[in-house]
Amino acid sequence: MTRLLDFARQILLTAGFSVGALGTWQQVQNSILLTRAHAVWEHGETASEVTVGPRGERGPGYLDSGIEKLRVSFKDGRGARHTVTFDVWALNTSIDDSKPAMVRFDPTEPSQAALSWLQAVEQRRWGAVVLQSALALGLMVLCVRRWRAIYRPS
């Protein structure tokens, strides 16, 4: 029975550490995304004929089912139409879609775009990254400490 409990502890601690590592990796990806969006917003070209698809579309999977997807279509300076999907996530806020949407994009790579509605809540988005990173790293530290306390060689 003790071996079974030992095995269950190992599985739980490994799973907890893995969830923390995955959460940390996701927040690194979100940080890169926010940094790129900020750079595009600062230095990109302004798009014309911006249209935003219907609100309320959610991600298809279990992990991203709470994240709203915004499909945005726009024209670049040469008149070519591009469509970009933005993930809408921020800490305890919603986007203000009462103002017209504005898009700025990288002319060399139009799929790299930034949406005004998301730039307006950029600080909240960074807050979400910081909070979720702290939770993920905290879970990892907790699992490592618990693992060491249980399995410390005598």
C-alpha atoms as a PDB file:
ATOM      1  CA  MET A   1       0.000   0.000   0.000  1.00  0.00           C
ATOM      2  CA  THR A   2       2.877   2.355   0.769  1.00  0.00           C
ATOM      3  CA  ARG A   3       4.362   1.772  -2.668  1.00  0.00           C
ATOM      4  CA  LEU A   4       1.051   2.627  -4.283  1.00  0.00           C
ATOM      5  CA  LEU A   5       0.790   5.874  -2.281  1.00  0.00           C
ATOM      6  CA  ASP A   6       4.397   6.670  -3.122  1.00  0.00           C
ATOM      7  CA  PHE A   7       3.692   6.139  -6.806  1.00  0.00           C
ATOM      8  CA  ALA A   8       0.537   8.301  -6.617  1.00  0.00           C
ATOM      9  CA  ARG A   9       2.543  11.109  -4.959  1.00  0.00           C
ATOM     10  CA  GLN A  10       5.174  10.909  -7.668  1.00  0.00           C
ATOM     11  CA  ILE A  11       2.525  11.085 -10.373  1.00  0.00           C
ATOM     12  CA  LEU A  12       0.773  14.067  -8.741  1.00  0.00           C
ATOM     13  CA  LEU A  13       3.994  15.989  -8.166  1.00  0.00           C
ATOM     14  CA  THR A  14       5.178  15.296 -11.706  1.00  0.00           C
ATOM     15  CA  ALA A  15       1.801  16.336 -13.115  1.00  0.00           C
ATOM     16  CA  GLY A  16       1.802  19.518 -10.999  1.00  0.00           C
ATOM     17  CA  PHE A  17       5.310  20.387 -12.130  1.00  0.00           C
ATOM     18  CA  SER A  18       4.354  19.703 -15.758  1.00  0.00           C
ATOM     19  CA  VAL A  19       1.265  21.933 -15.539  1.00  0.00           C
ATOM     20  CA  GLY A  20       3.411  24.690 -14.030  1.00  0.00           C
ATOM     21  CA  ALA A  21       6.027  24.307 -16.761  1.00  0.00           C
ATOM     22  CA  LEU A  22       3.359  24.372 -19.471  1.00  0.00           C
ATOM     23  CA  GLY A  23       1.785  27.470 -17.913  1.00  0.00           C
ATOM     24  CA  THR A  24       5.172  29.184 -17.771  1.00  0.00           C
ATOM     25  CA  TRP A  25       5.849  28.333 -21.423  1.00  0.00           C
ATOM     26  CA  GLN A  26       2.445  29.701 -22.424  1.00  0.00           C
ATOM     27  CA  GLN A  27       3.162  32.985 -20.646  1.00  0.00           C
ATOM     28  CA  VAL A  28       6.531  33.258 -22.396  1.00  0.00           C
ATOM     29  CA  GLN A  29       4.641  32.872 -25.690  1.00  0.00           C
ATOM     30  CA  ASN A  30       2.101  35.510 -24.589  1.00  0.00           C
ATOM     31  CA  SER A  31       4.952  37.886 -23.688  1.00  0.00           C
ATOM     32  CA  ILE A  32       6.439  37.475 -27.157  1.00  0.00           C
ATOM     33  CA  LEU A  33       3.011  38.062 -28.704  1.00  0.00           C
ATOM     34  CA  LEU A  34       2.444  41.251 -26.689  1.00  0.00           C
ATOM     35  CA  THR A  35       5.932  42.563 -27.463  1.00  0.00           C
ATOM     36  CA  ARG A  36       5.438  41.980 -31.197  1.00  0.00           C
ATOM     37  CA  ALA A  37       1.992  43.587 -31.151  1.00  0.00           C
ATOM     38  CA  HIS A  38       3.385  46.646 -29.385  1.00  0.00           C
ATOM     39  CA  ALA A  39       6.194  46.981 -31.944  1.00  0.00           C
ATOM     40  CA  VAL A  40       3.738  46.641 -34.840  1.00  0.00           C
ATOM     41  CA  TRP A  41       1.448  49.210 -33.245  1.00  0.00           C
ATOM     42  CA  GLU A  42       4.327  51.664 -32.847  1.00  0.00           C
ATOM     43  CA  HIS A  43       5.957  51.181 -36.268  1.00  0.00           C
ATOM     44  CA  GLY A  44       3.390  49.529 -38.540  1.00  0.00           C
ATOM     45  CA  GLU A  45       1.278  50.894 -41.365  1.00  0.00           C
ATOM     46  CA  THR A  46      -2.345  51.820 -40.744  1.00  0.00           C
ATOM     47  CA  ALA A  47      -4.796  49.545 -42.549  1.00  0.00           C
ATOM     48  CA  SER A  48      -7.920  50.651 -44.369  1.00  0.00           C
ATOM     49  CA  GLU A  49     -11.395  49.140 -44.592  1.00  0.00           C
ATOM     50  CA  VAL A  50     -11.175  47.329 -41.271  1.00  0.00           C
ATOM     51  CA  THR A  51     -14.024  44.936 -40.521  1.00  0.00           C
ATOM     52  CA  VAL A  52     -14.384  42.871 -37.393  1.00  0.00           C
ATOM     53  CA  GLY A  53     -16.222  39.555 -37.487  1.00  0.00           C
ATOM     54  CA  PRO A  54     -18.968  38.722 -35.022  1.00  0.00           C
ATOM     55  CA  ARG A  55     -18.048  38.807 -31.328  1.00  0.00           C
ATOM     56  CA  GLY A  56     -18.345  35.772 -29.097  1.00  0.00           C
ATOM     57  CA  GLU A  57     -16.490  33.110 -31.106  1.00  0.00           C
ATOM     58  CA  ARG A  58     -14.503  30.886 -28.747  1.00  0.00           C
ATOM     59  CA  GLY A  59     -11.509  28.628 -29.236  1.00  0.00           C
ATOM     60  CA  PRO A  60     -12.211  25.051 -30.361  1.00  0.00           C
ATOM     61  CA  GLY A  61     -10.238  23.176 -27.705  1.00  0.00           C
ATOM     62  CA  TYR A  62     -10.610  22.620 -23.998  1.00  0.00           C
ATOM     63  CA  LEU A  63      -7.660  24.823 -23.077  1.00  0.00           C
ATOM     64  CA  ASP A  64      -8.640  27.788 -25.242  1.00  0.00           C
ATOM     65  CA  SER A  65     -12.425  27.556 -24.946  1.00  0.00           C
ATOM     66  CA  GLY A  66     -12.484  30.612 -22.655  1.00  0.00           C
ATOM     67  CA  ILE A  67     -10.524  32.770 -25.068  1.00  0.00           C
ATOM     68  CA  GLU A  68     -12.550  34.879 -27.439  1.00  0.00           C
ATOM     69  CA  LYS A  69     -11.385  34.926 -31.045  1.00  0.00           C
ATOM     70  CA  LEU A  70     -11.755  38.077 -33.145  1.00  0.00           C
ATOM     71  CA  ARG A  71     -11.490  37.694 -36.894  1.00  0.00           C
ATOM     72  CA  VAL A  72     -10.410  41.005 -38.405  1.00  0.00           C
ATOM     73  CA  SER A  73     -10.188  41.777 -42.100  1.00  0.00           C
ATOM     74  CA  PHE A  74      -8.366  44.779 -43.556  1.00  0.00           C
ATOM     75  CA  LYS A  75      -6.775  46.162 -46.703  1.00  0.00           C
ATOM     76  CA  ASP A  76      -3.125  47.090 -46.972  1.00  0.00           C
ATOM     77  CA  GLY A  77      -1.682  50.050 -48.899  1.00  0.00           C
ATOM     78  CA  ARG A  78      -1.744  48.112 -52.190  1.00  0.00           C
ATOM     79  CA  GLY A  79      -5.403  47.166 -51.778  1.00  0.00           C
ATOM     80  CA  ALA A  80      -4.808  43.489 -50.929  1.00  0.00           C
ATOM     81  CA  ARG A  81      -7.222  42.116 -48.311  1.00  0.00           C
ATOM     82  CA  HIS A  82      -5.842  40.253 -45.280  1.00  0.00           C
ATOM     83  CA  THR A  83      -7.598  38.426 -42.461  1.00  0.00           C
ATOM     84  CA  VAL A  84      -6.053  37.984 -39.022  1.00  0.00           C
ATOM     85  CA  THR A  85      -7.480  36.252 -35.959  1.00  0.00           C
ATOM     86  CA  PHE A  86      -6.736  37.822 -32.578  1.00  0.00           C
ATOM     87  CA  ASP A  87      -7.025  36.053 -29.231  1.00  0.00           C
ATOM     88  CA  VAL A  88      -8.806  38.315 -26.750  1.00  0.00           C
ATOM     89  CA  TRP A  89      -7.584  37.789 -23.189  1.00  0.00           C
ATOM     90  CA  ALA A  90      -6.924  40.286 -20.449  1.00  0.00           C
ATOM     91  CA  LEU A  91      -7.090  40.477 -16.677  1.00  0.00           C
ATOM     92  CA  ASN A  92     -10.528  41.361 -15.354  1.00  0.00           C
ATOM     93  CA  THR A  93     -11.558  43.561 -18.262  1.00  0.00           C
ATOM     94  CA  SER A  94     -13.325  43.495 -21.568  1.00  0.00           C
ATOM     95  CA  ILE A  95     -12.514  45.305 -24.761  1.00  0.00           C
ATOM     96  CA  ASP A  96     -14.332  48.490 -25.689  1.00  0.00           C
ATOM     97  CA  ASP A  97     -15.810  47.807 -29.101  1.00  0.00           C
ATOM     98  CA  SER A  98     -17.893  50.982 -29.109  1.00  0.00           C
ATOM     99  CA  LYS A  99     -15.039  52.800 -30.872  1.00  0.00           C
ATOM    100  CA  PRO A 100     -14.139  51.951 -34.472  1.00  0.00           C
ATOM    101  CA  ALA A 101     -11.447  49.294 -34.774  1.00  0.00           C
ATOM    102  CA  MET A 102      -8.109  50.361 -36.149  1.00  0.00           C
ATOM    103  CA  VAL A 103      -5.428  47.969 -37.397  1.00  0.00           C
ATOM    104  CA  ARG A 104      -1.732  48.532 -37.911  1.00  0.00           C
ATOM    105  CA  PHE A 105       0.334  45.884 -39.643  1.00  0.00           C
ATOM    106  CA  ASP A 106       3.873  45.059 -40.712  1.00  0.00           C
ATOM    107  CA  PRO A 107       3.998  45.792 -44.466  1.00  0.00           C
ATOM    108  CA  THR A 108       6.536  43.014 -45.035  1.00  0.00           C
ATOM    109  CA  GLU A 109       4.386  40.509 -43.123  1.00  0.00           C
ATOM    110  CA  PRO A 110       0.705  41.586 -43.029  1.00  0.00           C
ATOM    111  CA  SER A 111      -0.214  38.648 -40.782  1.00  0.00           C
ATOM    112  CA  GLN A 112       1.691  40.503 -38.046  1.00  0.00           C
ATOM    113  CA  ALA A 113      -0.968  43.006 -37.059  1.00  0.00           C
ATOM    114  CA  ALA A 114      -2.127  44.899 -33.988  1.00  0.00           C
ATOM    115  CA  LEU A 115      -5.711  45.863 -33.142  1.00  0.00           C
ATOM    116  CA  SER A 116      -6.559  49.156 -31.401  1.00  0.00           C
ATOM    117  CA  TRP A 117      -9.093  47.482 -29.105  1.00  0.00           C
ATOM    118  CA  LEU A 118      -6.385  45.177 -27.738  1.00  0.00           C
ATOM    119  CA  GLN A 119      -3.785  47.938 -27.484  1.00  0.00           C
ATOM    120  CA  ALA A 120      -6.221  49.851 -25.259  1.00  0.00           C
ATOM    121  CA  VAL A 121      -6.095  47.013 -22.696  1.00  0.00           C
ATOM    122  CA  GLU A 122      -2.395  46.206 -23.142  1.00  0.00           C
ATOM    123  CA  GLN A 123      -1.554  46.859 -19.471  1.00  0.00           C
ATOM    124  CA  ARG A 124      -4.286  44.460 -18.360  1.00  0.00           C
ATOM    125  CA  ARG A 125      -2.938  41.862 -20.770  1.00  0.00           C
ATOM    126  CA  TRP A 126       0.544  42.247 -19.261  1.00  0.00           C
ATOM    127  CA  GLY A 127      -1.053  41.946 -15.821  1.00  0.00           C
ATOM    128  CA  ALA A 128      -2.565  38.633 -16.860  1.00  0.00           C
ATOM    129  CA  VAL A 129       0.844  37.430 -18.059  1.00  0.00           C
ATOM    130  CA  VAL A 130       2.514  38.403 -14.782  1.00  0.00           C
ATOM    131  CA  LEU A 131      -0.206  36.851 -12.611  1.00  0.00           C
ATOM    132  CA  GLN A 132      -0.385  33.601 -14.572  1.00  0.00           C
ATOM    133  CA  SER A 133       3.418  33.355 -14.684  1.00  0.00           C
ATOM    134  CA  ALA A 134       3.592  33.789 -10.919  1.00  0.00           C
ATOM    135  CA  LEU A 135       0.960  31.096 -10.403  1.00  0.00           C
ATOM    136  CA  ALA A 136       2.685  28.679 -12.795  1.00  0.00           C
ATOM    137  CA  LEU A 137       6.134  29.254 -11.302  1.00  0.00           C
ATOM    138  CA  GLY A 138       4.688  29.013  -7.793  1.00  0.00           C
ATOM    139  CA  LEU A 139       3.168  25.623  -8.636  1.00  0.00           C
ATOM    140  CA  MET A 140       6.515  24.424  -9.955  1.00  0.00           C
ATOM    141  CA  VAL A 141       8.378  25.615  -6.840  1.00  0.00           C
ATOM    142  CA  LEU A 142       5.752  24.036  -4.585  1.00  0.00           C
ATOM    143  CA  CYS A 143       6.076  20.696  -6.374  1.00  0.00           C
ATOM    144  CA  VAL A 144       9.884  20.735  -6.238  1.00  0.00           C
ATOM    145  CA  ARG A 145       9.891  21.607  -2.532  1.00  0.00           C
ATOM    146  CA  ARG A 146       7.349  18.926  -1.746  1.00  0.00           C
ATOM    147  CA  TRP A 147       9.284  16.397  -3.821  1.00  0.00           C
ATOM    148  CA  ARG A 148      12.490  17.241  -1.935  1.00  0.00           C
ATOM    149  CA  ALA A 149      10.760  17.040   1.443  1.00  0.00           C
ATOM    150  CA  ILE A 150       9.337  13.603   0.678  1.00  0.00           C
ATOM    151  CA  TYR A 151      12.246  12.059  -1.198  1.00  0.00           C
ATOM    152  CA  ARG A 152      15.256  13.712   0.443  1.00  0.00           C
ATOM    153  CA  PRO A 153      18.017  11.109   0.808  1.00  0.00           C
ATOM    154  CA  SER A 154      18.901  10.474   4.438  1.00  0.00           C
END
